[in-house]
C-alpha atoms as a PDB file:
ATOM      1  CA  UNK A   1     139.376 131.693  82.383  1.00  0.00           C
ATOM      2  CA  UNK A   2     137.258 133.096  84.389  1.00  0.00           C
ATOM      3  CA  UNK A   3     134.623 132.820  82.082  1.00  0.00           C
ATOM      4  CA  UNK A   4     134.906 128.971  81.494  1.00  0.00           C
ATOM      5  CA  UNK A   5     135.038 128.756  85.482  1.00  0.00           C
ATOM      6  CA  UNK A   6     131.589 130.730  85.599  1.00  0.00           C
ATOM      7  CA  UNK A   7     129.960 129.040  82.803  1.00  0.00           C
ATOM      8  CA  UNK A   8     131.087 125.429  84.417  1.00  0.00           C
ATOM      9  CA  UNK A   9     129.562 126.847  88.129  1.00  0.00           C
ATOM     10  CA  UNK A  10     126.425 127.982  86.202  1.00  0.00           C
ATOM     11  CA  UNK A  11     126.219 124.553  84.394  1.00  0.00           C
ATOM     12  CA  UNK A  12     126.432 122.462  87.601  1.00  0.00           C
ATOM     13  CA  UNK A  13     123.960 125.130  89.317  1.00  0.00           C
ATOM     14  CA  UNK A  14     121.413 124.299  86.424  1.00  0.00           C
ATOM     15  CA  UNK A  15     122.070 120.565  86.958  1.00  0.00           C
ATOM     16  CA  UNK A  16     121.530 120.630  90.627  1.00  0.00           C
ATOM     17  CA  UNK A  17     118.369 122.734  90.457  1.00  0.00           C
ATOM     18  CA  UNK A  18     117.045 120.333  87.933  1.00  0.00           C
ATOM     19  CA  UNK A  19     118.215 117.460  89.837  1.00  0.00           C
ATOM     20  CA  UNK A  20     116.056 118.914  92.771  1.00  0.00           C
ATOM     21  CA  UNK A  21     113.114 119.818  90.832  1.00  0.00           C
ATOM     22  CA  UNK A  22     113.223 115.818  89.763  1.00  0.00           C
ATOM     23  CA  UNK A  23     113.253 114.587  93.325  1.00  0.00           C
ATOM     24  CA  UNK A  24     110.615 116.695  94.401  1.00  0.00           C
ATOM     25  CA  UNK A  25     108.411 115.796  91.591  1.00  0.00           C
ATOM     26  CA  UNK A  26     109.352 112.136  91.986  1.00  0.00           C
ATOM     27  CA  UNK A  27     108.311 112.465  95.772  1.00  0.00           C
ATOM     28  CA  UNK A  28     105.259 113.895  94.804  1.00  0.00           C
ATOM     29  CA  UNK A  29     104.382 111.231  92.073  1.00  0.00           C
ATOM     30  CA  UNK A  30     104.988 108.734  95.149  1.00  0.00           C
ATOM     31  CA  UNK A  31     102.670 110.199  97.335  1.00  0.00           C
ATOM     32  CA  UNK A  32      99.821 110.351  94.505  1.00  0.00           C
ATOM     33  CA  UNK A  33     100.487 106.351  93.644  1.00  0.00           C
ATOM     34  CA  UNK A  34     100.689 105.533  97.401  1.00  0.00           C
ATOM     35  CA  UNK A  35      97.348 107.040  98.010  1.00  0.00           C
ATOM     36  CA  UNK A  36      95.690 105.405  95.072  1.00  0.00           C
ATOM     37  CA  UNK A  37      97.330 102.095  95.954  1.00  0.00           C
ATOM     38  CA  UNK A  38      95.859 102.702  99.729  1.00  0.00           C
ATOM     39  CA  UNK A  39      92.366 103.329  97.883  1.00  0.00           C
ATOM     40  CA  UNK A  40      92.523 100.060  95.835  1.00  0.00           C
ATOM     41  CA  UNK A  41      93.572  98.024  98.696  1.00  0.00           C
ATOM     42  CA  UNK A  42      90.742  99.017 100.721  1.00  0.00           C
ATOM     43  CA  UNK A  43      88.190  98.362  97.792  1.00  0.00           C
ATOM     44  CA  UNK A  44      89.800  95.001  97.590  1.00  0.00           C
ATOM     45  CA  UNK A  45      89.071  94.481 101.189  1.00  0.00           C
ATOM     46  CA  UNK A  46      85.511  95.747 100.997  1.00  0.00           C
ATOM     47  CA  UNK A  47      85.036  93.454  97.724  1.00  0.00           C
ATOM     48  CA  UNK A  48      86.523  90.323  99.485  1.00  0.00           C
ATOM     49  CA  UNK A  49      83.943  91.095 102.345  1.00  0.00           C
ATOM     50  CA  UNK A  50      81.075  91.221 100.031  1.00  0.00           C
ATOM     51  CA  UNK A  51      82.232  88.137  98.201  1.00  0.00           C
ATOM     52  CA  UNK A  52      82.347  86.080 101.617  1.00  0.00           C
ATOM     53  CA  UNK A  53      79.031  87.605 102.201  1.00  0.00           C
ATOM     54  CA  UNK A  54      77.337  86.441  98.954  1.00  0.00           C
ATOM     55  CA  UNK A  55      79.025  83.048  99.098  1.00  0.00           C
ATOM     56  CA  UNK A  56      77.370  82.518 102.547  1.00  0.00           C
ATOM     57  CA  UNK A  57      73.933  83.931 101.180  1.00  0.00           C
ATOM     58  CA  UNK A  58      74.168  81.364  98.113  1.00  0.00           C
ATOM     59  CA  UNK A  59      74.956  78.587 100.602  1.00  0.00           C
ATOM     60  CA  UNK A  60      71.867  79.258 102.716  1.00  0.00           C
ATOM     61  CA  UNK A  61      69.665  79.736  99.620  1.00  0.00           C
ATOM     62  CA  UNK A  62      70.894  76.763  97.956  1.00  0.00           C
ATOM     63  CA  UNK A  63      70.530  74.298 101.227  1.00  0.00           C
ATOM     64  CA  UNK A  64      69.051  70.933 100.122  1.00  0.00           C
ATOM     65  CA  UNK A  65      66.258  71.174 103.036  1.00  0.00           C
ATOM     66  CA  UNK A  66      65.187  74.518 101.946  1.00  0.00           C
ATOM     67  CA  UNK A  67      64.844  73.465  98.279  1.00  0.00           C
ATOM     68  CA  UNK A  68      63.167  70.584  99.309  1.00  0.00           C
ATOM     69  CA  UNK A  69      60.410  72.572 101.534  1.00  0.00           C
ATOM     70  CA  UNK A  70      59.708  74.786  98.502  1.00  0.00           C
ATOM     71  CA  UNK A  71      59.472  72.272  95.949  1.00  0.00           C
ATOM     72  CA  UNK A  72      56.899  70.406  98.157  1.00  0.00           C
ATOM     73  CA  UNK A  73      55.170  73.590  99.573  1.00  0.00           C
ATOM     74  CA  UNK A  74      55.012  76.082  96.442  1.00  0.00           C
ATOM     75  CA  UNK A  75      55.349  73.826  93.677  1.00  0.00           C
ATOM     76  CA  UNK A  76      53.272  70.804  95.136  1.00  0.00           C
ATOM     77  CA  UNK A  77      56.008  68.275  93.980  1.00  0.00           C
ATOM     78  CA  UNK A  78      56.268  64.690  95.867  1.00  0.00           C
ATOM     79  CA  UNK A  79      58.674  61.846  95.205  1.00  0.00           C
ATOM     80  CA  UNK A  80      57.473  59.580  92.757  1.00  0.00           C
ATOM     81  CA  UNK A  81      55.812  56.342  93.754  1.00  0.00           C
ATOM     82  CA  UNK A  82      56.793  52.735  92.615  1.00  0.00           C
ATOM     83  CA  UNK A  83      54.073  52.978  89.973  1.00  0.00           C
ATOM     84  CA  UNK A  84      55.455  56.179  88.734  1.00  0.00           C
ATOM     85  CA  UNK A  85      59.057  54.832  88.388  1.00  0.00           C
ATOM     86  CA  UNK A  86      60.218  53.722  85.093  1.00  0.00           C
ATOM     87  CA  UNK A  87      63.736  52.068  84.542  1.00  0.00           C
ATOM     88  CA  UNK A  88      65.332  52.666  81.449  1.00  0.00           C
ATOM     89  CA  UNK A  89      68.293  50.004  80.479  1.00  0.00           C
ATOM     90  CA  UNK A  90      71.000  51.121  78.049  1.00  0.00           C
END
């Protein structure tokens, strides 16, 4: 009888130790994954900031007045006169 009781205690002790190791492992994985999540959120915020800056820069470069100034100044473009205009009918 004593051998059966001792083996049950030994099995229970092994189960408790295995459970404790499992808890420690799960907590460590949680810490690692939380660190990775925090880093990814920081990168997302940085990318969102950069995206906003690029949208603002694109809007500045694509401003109609700026494009017209470049077309007239650097490319020598002008509005066509009445004689240069051709109306095409369908």
